Amino acid sequence: MTTMPADPGDVAATEAQLEGFIARFTPEIANRVRAARAVLRERLPGATELVYDNYNALAIGYGAGGKTSDAVFSLAVYPRNLLLYFLPGVGLPDPEGLLQGEGRLGRYVCLREVALLDAPAVIALIAAALDRARRPLPPEGGRTIVKSISARQRPRRPAGDAA
């Protein structure tokens, strides 16, 4: 595995690298990530995707630019779960009570099914998070940047799933 991020100007190399990160998860989780990413890319064509292949999880942040602080929310990918993580999520209007977590800033929605991204309550959470963003998303021109790759990582598949 490559430990250097792909050149962000090389779209094909960046996509191939990200697909390599995603493919290390079980097919169920990987397919959910691909589908969720497709939905978010379609809805937010101007968003910059910031990819962090971290020790604990794969994170794909969405924001107005290439800085970590630009991310408004992210897909957090774990061996058994896909989360839509709101940065910050504390204080977002959540009349349906979907947000989970006890962190100082962040909250998340577990995406057991990608169709949840089409639920009016989740759409409203995303809209509220974007309204609170430091910078508005541009209407088009989004790109993907692999920001970091941890040399050491926890397994991307649950114990016992050797495939």
Protein backbone atom coordinates (compact mmCIF):
# COMPACT_ATOMS: atom_id res chain seq x y z
CA MET A 1 0.00 0.00 0.00
CA THR A 2 1.15 3.49 -0.82
CA THR A 3 1.69 5.68 2.23
CA MET A 4 1.80 8.96 0.30
CA PRO A 5 -1.34 10.81 -0.78
CA ALA A 6 -1.94 10.98 -4.51
CA ASP A 7 -1.37 14.29 -6.26
CA PRO A 8 -4.74 16.10 -5.89
CA GLY A 9 -4.38 17.31 -9.48
CA ASP A 10 -4.39 13.72 -10.72
CA VAL A 11 -8.09 12.93 -10.37
CA ALA A 12 -7.77 9.34 -11.59
CA ALA A 13 -4.92 8.55 -9.17
CA THR A 14 -6.80 10.16 -6.26
CA GLU A 15 -9.97 8.20 -7.04
CA ALA A 16 -7.98 4.97 -7.39
CA GLN A 17 -6.27 5.59 -4.06
CA LEU A 18 -9.58 6.32 -2.32
CA GLU A 19 -11.14 3.22 -3.87
CA GLY A 20 -8.21 1.21 -2.48
CA PHE A 21 -8.97 2.53 1.01
CA ILE A 22 -12.68 1.69 0.64
CA ALA A 23 -12.04 -1.79 -0.81
CA ARG A 24 -10.28 -2.89 2.39
CA PHE A 25 -13.64 -2.92 4.20
CA THR A 26 -16.20 -5.70 3.91
CA PRO A 27 -18.22 -5.58 0.69
CA GLU A 28 -21.31 -4.48 2.65
CA ILE A 29 -19.56 -1.51 4.26
CA ALA A 30 -17.61 -0.65 1.09
CA ASN A 31 -20.79 -0.60 -1.01
CA ARG A 32 -22.51 1.60 1.57
CA VAL A 33 -19.58 4.03 1.49
CA ARG A 34 -19.58 4.18 -2.31
CA ALA A 35 -23.34 4.78 -2.41
CA ALA A 36 -23.28 7.42 0.36
CA ARG A 37 -20.40 9.19 -1.32
CA ALA A 38 -22.28 9.21 -4.65
CA VAL A 39 -25.34 10.77 -2.98
CA LEU A 40 -23.26 13.46 -1.28
CA ARG A 41 -21.25 14.24 -4.43
CA GLU A 42 -24.49 14.64 -6.39
CA ARG A 43 -26.08 16.91 -3.77
CA LEU A 44 -22.93 18.91 -3.04
CA PRO A 45 -21.08 19.24 -6.38
CA GLY A 46 -18.94 22.11 -5.09
CA ALA A 47 -17.79 20.39 -1.91
CA THR A 48 -14.19 19.43 -1.42
CA GLU A 49 -13.82 15.88 -0.12
CA LEU A 50 -10.98 15.60 2.39
CA VAL A 51 -9.82 12.01 2.88
CA TYR A 52 -8.01 10.82 6.00
CA ASP A 53 -7.08 7.15 6.13
CA ASN A 54 -6.56 7.26 9.89
CA TYR A 55 -5.55 4.73 12.52
CA ASN A 56 -9.12 4.08 13.72
CA ALA A 57 -11.21 4.84 10.65
CA LEU A 58 -11.42 6.15 7.13
CA ALA A 59 -12.86 9.67 7.18
CA ILE A 60 -14.16 11.54 4.14
CA GLY A 61 -14.92 15.13 5.09
CA TYR A 62 -17.06 17.57 3.12
CA GLY A 63 -16.46 21.30 3.12
CA ALA A 64 -15.76 24.45 1.14
CA GLY A 65 -12.01 24.02 0.77
CA GLY A 66 -8.89 22.00 1.37
CA LYS A 67 -8.36 22.75 5.06
CA THR A 68 -9.47 20.38 7.78
CA SER A 69 -11.26 23.27 9.46
CA ASP A 70 -13.41 23.67 6.31
CA ALA A 71 -15.12 20.30 6.87
CA VAL A 72 -18.75 20.56 7.95
CA PHE A 73 -19.50 16.85 8.18
CA SER A 74 -17.86 13.59 7.19
CA LEU A 75 -18.42 9.96 6.45
CA ALA A 76 -16.62 8.03 9.18
CA VAL A 77 -16.03 4.44 8.07
CA TYR A 78 -15.43 1.70 10.63
CA PRO A 79 -15.30 -2.10 10.18
CA ARG A 80 -18.93 -2.47 11.29
CA ASN A 81 -20.43 1.00 10.81
CA LEU A 82 -20.74 3.98 8.52
CA LEU A 83 -21.45 7.23 10.33
CA LEU A 84 -22.48 10.64 9.05
CA TYR A 85 -20.51 12.74 11.51
CA PHE A 86 -21.38 16.41 12.01
CA LEU A 87 -18.54 18.82 12.89
CA PRO A 88 -19.79 20.44 15.05
CA GLY A 89 -23.03 18.63 15.70
CA VAL A 90 -23.76 19.97 19.16
CA GLY A 91 -26.67 22.38 18.94
CA LEU A 92 -27.94 21.30 15.52
CA PRO A 93 -31.74 21.27 15.48
CA ASP A 94 -32.71 17.60 15.75
CA PRO A 95 -36.46 17.26 16.40
CA GLU A 96 -36.38 13.58 15.35
CA GLY A 97 -33.62 12.78 17.87
CA LEU A 98 -31.35 11.17 15.26
CA LEU A 99 -28.05 12.58 16.47
CA GLN A 100 -25.97 10.32 18.68
CA GLY A 101 -22.77 10.80 20.62
CA GLU A 102 -21.52 12.49 23.73
CA GLY A 103 -18.49 14.32 22.36
CA ARG A 104 -17.73 17.92 23.20
CA LEU A 105 -18.43 19.07 19.62
CA GLY A 106 -19.44 16.29 17.25
CA ARG A 107 -22.56 14.21 16.79
CA TYR A 108 -23.36 11.49 14.30
CA VAL A 109 -26.09 9.53 12.57
CA CYS A 110 -25.42 5.84 11.93
CA LEU A 111 -26.05 5.12 8.24
CA ARG A 112 -27.23 1.53 8.47
CA GLU A 113 -28.83 2.16 5.10
CA VAL A 114 -27.78 4.80 2.58
CA ALA A 115 -31.47 5.58 2.00
CA LEU A 116 -31.33 7.40 5.35
CA LEU A 117 -29.56 10.21 3.49
CA ASP A 118 -32.91 10.82 1.74
CA ALA A 119 -34.87 11.09 4.99
CA PRO A 120 -36.22 14.61 5.49
CA ALA A 121 -34.75 14.78 9.01
CA VAL A 122 -31.23 13.92 7.74
CA ILE A 123 -31.57 16.35 4.83
CA ALA A 124 -32.54 19.02 7.39
CA LEU A 125 -29.51 18.18 9.58
CA ILE A 126 -27.18 18.50 6.59
CA ALA A 127 -28.79 21.82 5.59
CA ALA A 128 -28.49 23.15 9.15
CA ALA A 129 -24.83 22.11 9.32
CA LEU A 130 -24.13 23.81 5.98
CA ASP A 131 -25.90 26.97 7.20
CA ARG A 132 -23.48 27.06 10.15
CA ALA A 133 -20.37 26.47 8.04
CA ARG A 134 -17.61 29.06 8.21
CA ARG A 135 -17.65 29.28 4.43
CA PRO A 136 -20.48 28.40 2.05
CA LEU A 137 -19.91 25.56 -0.39
CA PRO A 138 -19.23 26.67 -3.93
CA PRO A 139 -21.98 25.61 -6.35
CA GLU A 140 -19.60 23.48 -8.45
CA GLY A 141 -15.99 22.47 -8.88
CA GLY A 142 -15.69 20.02 -6.01
CA ARG A 143 -12.63 17.83 -5.82
CA THR A 144 -11.16 15.08 -3.69
CA ILE A 145 -7.93 15.46 -1.74
CA VAL A 146 -6.23 12.63 0.15
CA LYS A 147 -4.87 14.55 3.15
CA SER A 148 -3.22 11.81 5.17
CA ILE A 149 -2.57 8.10 5.41
CA SER A 150 -1.62 6.62 8.76
CA ALA A 151 1.26 4.17 8.60
CA ARG A 152 -0.35 2.06 11.33
CA GLN A 153 -4.03 1.21 11.14
CA ARG A 154 -6.52 -0.95 12.90
CA PRO A 155 -7.95 -3.77 10.76
CA ARG A 156 -10.62 -2.55 8.35
CA ARG A 157 -12.65 -5.75 8.63
CA PRO A 158 -14.18 -7.28 11.74
CA ALA A 159 -12.20 -10.07 13.39
CA GLY A 160 -12.84 -13.37 11.65
CA ASP A 161 -13.56 -11.80 8.23
CA ALA A 162 -10.39 -12.64 6.36
CA ALA A 163 -11.66 -11.90 2.82
